[in-house]
Amino acid sequence: MMEKLIFLALDGLSWNVIKEMLSENKLKNIKKLVKEGASSVLKADFPLISPKIWASIFTGKKPEKHGILDFYSTKEDLRTKLIWEILRKNNRRLGIYRPLTSWHALEVDGFFVPGFLSHQFNSYPEDLNVKTIFDQRVRRNRSEPKEV
């Protein structure tokens, strides 16, 4: 039997906020994960740019090696494999939800909903496309000029 792993990472959420909420007896499931699992404070090079940091986490490599430096980076800039590509090749069951360093969904044993930088309206399985389409429409509505 293969061991199960949950990797939970929340962009922009500070451990200061988490610790304060834990001390108020909130986030009971997070408290259990921290107590029974492993957790750590991220140590990253400045500037703290989310796609660059996530690519480092998901590849295990520094930005100079993986090639993702900012929000304008594309799949073509990525110079190494992402962890889910390696796990997929090794027939591991995956649930991947909105990672910043995904530009399209992969067919996996499980599910894959790409992050908001995706330029495609695809998720796997296809019945999850509604979430991806919703995200795209929200992003489009935020950036369209509004009549005054």
C-alpha atoms as a PDB file:
ATOM      1  CA  MET A   1       0.000   0.000   0.000  1.00  0.00           C
ATOM      2  CA  MET A   2       1.341   3.426  -0.955  1.00  0.00           C
ATOM      3  CA  GLU A   3       1.484   6.098   1.688  1.00  0.00           C
ATOM      4  CA  LYS A   4      -0.763   9.106   1.245  1.00  0.00           C
ATOM      5  CA  LEU A   5       0.606  12.622   1.148  1.00  0.00           C
ATOM      6  CA  ILE A   6      -1.269  15.884   1.381  1.00  0.00           C
ATOM      7  CA  PHE A   7       0.688  18.930   0.343  1.00  0.00           C
ATOM      8  CA  LEU A   8      -1.258  22.027   1.325  1.00  0.00           C
ATOM      9  CA  ALA A   9       0.186  25.389   0.451  1.00  0.00           C
ATOM     10  CA  LEU A  10      -1.658  28.687   0.570  1.00  0.00           C
ATOM     11  CA  ASP A  11      -0.298  31.638  -1.365  1.00  0.00           C
ATOM     12  CA  GLY A  12       0.216  34.748   0.737  1.00  0.00           C
ATOM     13  CA  LEU A  13      -0.949  33.268   4.045  1.00  0.00           C
ATOM     14  CA  SER A  14       1.456  34.137   6.839  1.00  0.00           C
ATOM     15  CA  TRP A  15       2.363  31.779   9.682  1.00  0.00           C
ATOM     16  CA  ASN A  16       1.798  34.754  12.012  1.00  0.00           C
ATOM     17  CA  VAL A  17      -1.876  34.751  11.017  1.00  0.00           C
ATOM     18  CA  ILE A  18      -2.130  30.946  11.215  1.00  0.00           C
ATOM     19  CA  LYS A  19      -0.532  30.820  14.688  1.00  0.00           C
ATOM     20  CA  GLU A  20      -2.833  33.570  15.952  1.00  0.00           C
ATOM     21  CA  MET A  21      -5.893  31.719  14.655  1.00  0.00           C
ATOM     22  CA  LEU A  22      -4.654  28.418  16.097  1.00  0.00           C
ATOM     23  CA  SER A  23      -4.231  30.063  19.508  1.00  0.00           C
ATOM     24  CA  GLU A  24      -7.880  31.217  19.245  1.00  0.00           C
ATOM     25  CA  ASN A  25      -8.812  27.541  18.703  1.00  0.00           C
ATOM     26  CA  LYS A  26      -9.765  28.157  15.095  1.00  0.00           C
ATOM     27  CA  LEU A  27      -8.555  26.101  12.114  1.00  0.00           C
ATOM     28  CA  LYS A  28      -8.921  22.801  13.953  1.00  0.00           C
ATOM     29  CA  ASN A  29      -8.104  20.713  10.864  1.00  0.00           C
ATOM     30  CA  ILE A  30      -4.994  22.795  10.154  1.00  0.00           C
ATOM     31  CA  LYS A  31      -3.997  22.374  13.805  1.00  0.00           C
ATOM     32  CA  LYS A  32      -4.253  18.595  13.426  1.00  0.00           C
ATOM     33  CA  LEU A  33      -2.204  18.646  10.206  1.00  0.00           C
ATOM     34  CA  VAL A  34       0.512  20.751  11.856  1.00  0.00           C
ATOM     35  CA  LYS A  35       0.560  18.538  14.963  1.00  0.00           C
ATOM     36  CA  GLU A  36       0.583  15.183  13.156  1.00  0.00           C
ATOM     37  CA  GLY A  37       2.490  16.179  10.026  1.00  0.00           C
ATOM     38  CA  ALA A  38       5.269  18.523   9.107  1.00  0.00           C
ATOM     39  CA  SER A  39       5.154  22.267   8.547  1.00  0.00           C
ATOM     40  CA  SER A  40       7.637  24.986   7.892  1.00  0.00           C
ATOM     41  CA  VAL A  41       8.074  28.663   7.223  1.00  0.00           C
ATOM     42  CA  LEU A  42       9.008  29.374   3.621  1.00  0.00           C
ATOM     43  CA  LYS A  43      12.472  30.774   3.072  1.00  0.00           C
ATOM     44  CA  ALA A  44      12.590  32.395  -0.353  1.00  0.00           C
ATOM     45  CA  ASP A  45      14.789  34.844  -2.186  1.00  0.00           C
ATOM     46  CA  PHE A  46      13.465  38.343  -2.779  1.00  0.00           C
ATOM     47  CA  PRO A  47      11.566  39.621  -4.595  1.00  0.00           C
ATOM     48  CA  LEU A  48       8.737  37.383  -3.423  1.00  0.00           C
ATOM     49  CA  ILE A  49       6.943  36.709  -6.700  1.00  0.00           C
ATOM     50  CA  SER A  50       4.391  33.926  -6.420  1.00  0.00           C
ATOM     51  CA  PRO A  51       4.951  32.073  -9.735  1.00  0.00           C
ATOM     52  CA  LYS A  52       8.711  32.067  -9.129  1.00  0.00           C
ATOM     53  CA  ILE A  53       8.287  30.723  -5.593  1.00  0.00           C
ATOM     54  CA  TRP A  54       5.716  28.089  -6.581  1.00  0.00           C
ATOM     55  CA  ALA A  55       7.897  26.887  -9.448  1.00  0.00           C
ATOM     56  CA  SER A  56      10.756  26.468  -6.960  1.00  0.00           C
ATOM     57  CA  ILE A  57       8.495  24.491  -4.625  1.00  0.00           C
ATOM     58  CA  PHE A  58       7.022  22.328  -7.387  1.00  0.00           C
ATOM     59  CA  THR A  59      10.359  21.609  -9.105  1.00  0.00           C
ATOM     60  CA  GLY A  60      12.777  21.591  -6.160  1.00  0.00           C
ATOM     61  CA  LYS A  61      15.027  23.916  -8.145  1.00  0.00           C
ATOM     62  CA  LYS A  62      16.106  27.550  -7.951  1.00  0.00           C
ATOM     63  CA  PRO A  63      14.647  30.081 -10.418  1.00  0.00           C
ATOM     64  CA  GLU A  64      17.853  30.088 -12.485  1.00  0.00           C
ATOM     65  CA  LYS A  65      17.285  26.370 -13.147  1.00  0.00           C
ATOM     66  CA  HIS A  66      13.497  26.199 -13.587  1.00  0.00           C
ATOM     67  CA  GLY A  67      13.099  29.433 -15.598  1.00  0.00           C
ATOM     68  CA  ILE A  68       9.857  30.796 -14.089  1.00  0.00           C
ATOM     69  CA  LEU A  69      10.592  34.324 -12.897  1.00  0.00           C
ATOM     70  CA  ASP A  70       7.321  36.277 -12.880  1.00  0.00           C
ATOM     71  CA  PHE A  71       3.627  36.401 -13.823  1.00  0.00           C
ATOM     72  CA  TYR A  72       4.564  36.739 -17.510  1.00  0.00           C
ATOM     73  CA  SER A  73       6.408  33.409 -17.592  1.00  0.00           C
ATOM     74  CA  THR A  74       4.880  30.708 -19.756  1.00  0.00           C
ATOM     75  CA  LYS A  75       5.063  26.935 -20.056  1.00  0.00           C
ATOM     76  CA  GLU A  76       7.801  27.485 -22.656  1.00  0.00           C
ATOM     77  CA  ASP A  77       9.955  29.194 -19.990  1.00  0.00           C
ATOM     78  CA  LEU A  78       9.812  26.131 -17.732  1.00  0.00           C
ATOM     79  CA  ARG A  79      13.080  24.184 -18.123  1.00  0.00           C
ATOM     80  CA  THR A  80      12.417  21.234 -15.811  1.00  0.00           C
ATOM     81  CA  LYS A  81       9.661  18.861 -14.718  1.00  0.00           C
ATOM     82  CA  LEU A  82       7.070  19.736 -12.117  1.00  0.00           C
ATOM     83  CA  ILE A  83       6.454  17.304  -9.258  1.00  0.00           C
ATOM     84  CA  TRP A  84       3.041  16.248 -10.585  1.00  0.00           C
ATOM     85  CA  GLU A  85       4.591  15.320 -13.942  1.00  0.00           C
ATOM     86  CA  ILE A  86       7.038  13.033 -12.137  1.00  0.00           C
ATOM     87  CA  LEU A  87       4.336  11.543  -9.889  1.00  0.00           C
ATOM     88  CA  ARG A  88       2.015  11.039 -12.873  1.00  0.00           C
ATOM     89  CA  LYS A  89       4.752   9.169 -14.731  1.00  0.00           C
ATOM     90  CA  ASN A  90       5.112   6.929 -11.661  1.00  0.00           C
ATOM     91  CA  ASN A  91       1.367   6.148 -11.678  1.00  0.00           C
ATOM     92  CA  ARG A  92       0.550   8.034  -8.470  1.00  0.00           C
ATOM     93  CA  ARG A  93      -3.003   9.190  -7.784  1.00  0.00           C
ATOM     94  CA  LEU A  94      -3.116  12.990  -7.772  1.00  0.00           C
ATOM     95  CA  GLY A  95      -5.479  15.779  -6.781  1.00  0.00           C
ATOM     96  CA  ILE A  96      -4.106  19.086  -8.028  1.00  0.00           C
ATOM     97  CA  TYR A  97      -6.077  22.267  -7.465  1.00  0.00           C
ATOM     98  CA  ARG A  98      -5.102  25.616  -8.967  1.00  0.00           C
ATOM     99  CA  PRO A  99      -1.296  25.682  -8.770  1.00  0.00           C
ATOM    100  CA  LEU A 100       0.135  28.895 -10.187  1.00  0.00           C
ATOM    101  CA  THR A 101       2.684  27.026 -12.270  1.00  0.00           C
ATOM    102  CA  SER A 102       0.152  25.177 -14.418  1.00  0.00           C
ATOM    103  CA  TRP A 103      -0.891  26.395 -17.808  1.00  0.00           C
ATOM    104  CA  HIS A 104      -3.198  23.506 -18.687  1.00  0.00           C
ATOM    105  CA  ALA A 105      -4.674  20.442 -17.031  1.00  0.00           C
ATOM    106  CA  LEU A 106      -2.995  17.075 -17.340  1.00  0.00           C
ATOM    107  CA  GLU A 107      -4.916  13.849 -17.574  1.00  0.00           C
ATOM    108  CA  VAL A 108      -4.109  12.220 -14.241  1.00  0.00           C
ATOM    109  CA  ASP A 109      -5.403   9.442 -12.028  1.00  0.00           C
ATOM    110  CA  GLY A 110      -7.451  11.841  -9.927  1.00  0.00           C
ATOM    111  CA  PHE A 111      -8.182  15.469 -10.783  1.00  0.00           C
ATOM    112  CA  PHE A 112      -6.370  18.541 -12.091  1.00  0.00           C
ATOM    113  CA  VAL A 113      -7.760  22.078 -12.043  1.00  0.00           C
ATOM    114  CA  PRO A 114      -5.143  24.483 -13.417  1.00  0.00           C
ATOM    115  CA  GLY A 115      -4.307  27.801 -11.763  1.00  0.00           C
ATOM    116  CA  PHE A 116      -5.597  31.197 -12.777  1.00  0.00           C
ATOM    117  CA  LEU A 117      -2.656  31.798 -15.135  1.00  0.00           C
ATOM    118  CA  SER A 118      -4.028  29.078 -17.403  1.00  0.00           C
ATOM    119  CA  HIS A 119      -5.054  30.317 -20.843  1.00  0.00           C
ATOM    120  CA  GLN A 120      -7.194  27.257 -21.510  1.00  0.00           C
ATOM    121  CA  PHE A 121     -10.623  26.396 -20.176  1.00  0.00           C
ATOM    122  CA  ASN A 122      -9.765  22.819 -19.331  1.00  0.00           C
ATOM    123  CA  SER A 123      -9.731  20.728 -16.206  1.00  0.00           C
ATOM    124  CA  TYR A 124      -9.469  17.010 -15.717  1.00  0.00           C
ATOM    125  CA  PRO A 125     -11.909  15.382 -15.538  1.00  0.00           C
ATOM    126  CA  GLU A 126     -13.958  17.612 -17.822  1.00  0.00           C
ATOM    127  CA  ASP A 127     -16.824  18.020 -15.341  1.00  0.00           C
ATOM    128  CA  LEU A 128     -14.481  20.268 -13.335  1.00  0.00           C
ATOM    129  CA  ASN A 129     -14.279  22.709 -16.282  1.00  0.00           C
ATOM    130  CA  VAL A 130     -17.045  24.790 -14.717  1.00  0.00           C
ATOM    131  CA  LYS A 131     -14.570  25.937 -12.030  1.00  0.00           C
ATOM    132  CA  THR A 132     -11.949  26.861 -14.611  1.00  0.00           C
ATOM    133  CA  ILE A 133     -14.479  28.740 -16.773  1.00  0.00           C
ATOM    134  CA  PHE A 134     -15.775  30.564 -13.689  1.00  0.00           C
ATOM    135  CA  ASP A 135     -12.231  31.650 -12.758  1.00  0.00           C
ATOM    136  CA  GLN A 136     -11.590  32.895 -16.301  1.00  0.00           C
ATOM    137  CA  ARG A 137     -14.823  34.940 -16.327  1.00  0.00           C
ATOM    138  CA  VAL A 138     -14.074  36.474 -12.930  1.00  0.00           C
ATOM    139  CA  ARG A 139     -10.600  37.465 -14.133  1.00  0.00           C
ATOM    140  CA  ARG A 140     -11.980  38.893 -17.401  1.00  0.00           C
ATOM    141  CA  ASN A 141     -14.659  40.904 -15.552  1.00  0.00           C
ATOM    142  CA  ARG A 142     -12.058  42.385 -13.204  1.00  0.00           C
ATOM    143  CA  SER A 143      -9.915  43.600 -16.088  1.00  0.00           C
ATOM    144  CA  GLU A 144     -12.623  44.927 -18.414  1.00  0.00           C
ATOM    145  CA  PRO A 145     -13.248  48.686 -18.295  1.00  0.00           C
ATOM    146  CA  LYS A 146     -16.499  49.608 -16.537  1.00  0.00           C
ATOM    147  CA  GLU A 147     -18.906  52.303 -17.618  1.00  0.00           C
ATOM    148  CA  VAL A 148     -19.220  55.174 -15.169  1.00  0.00           C
END
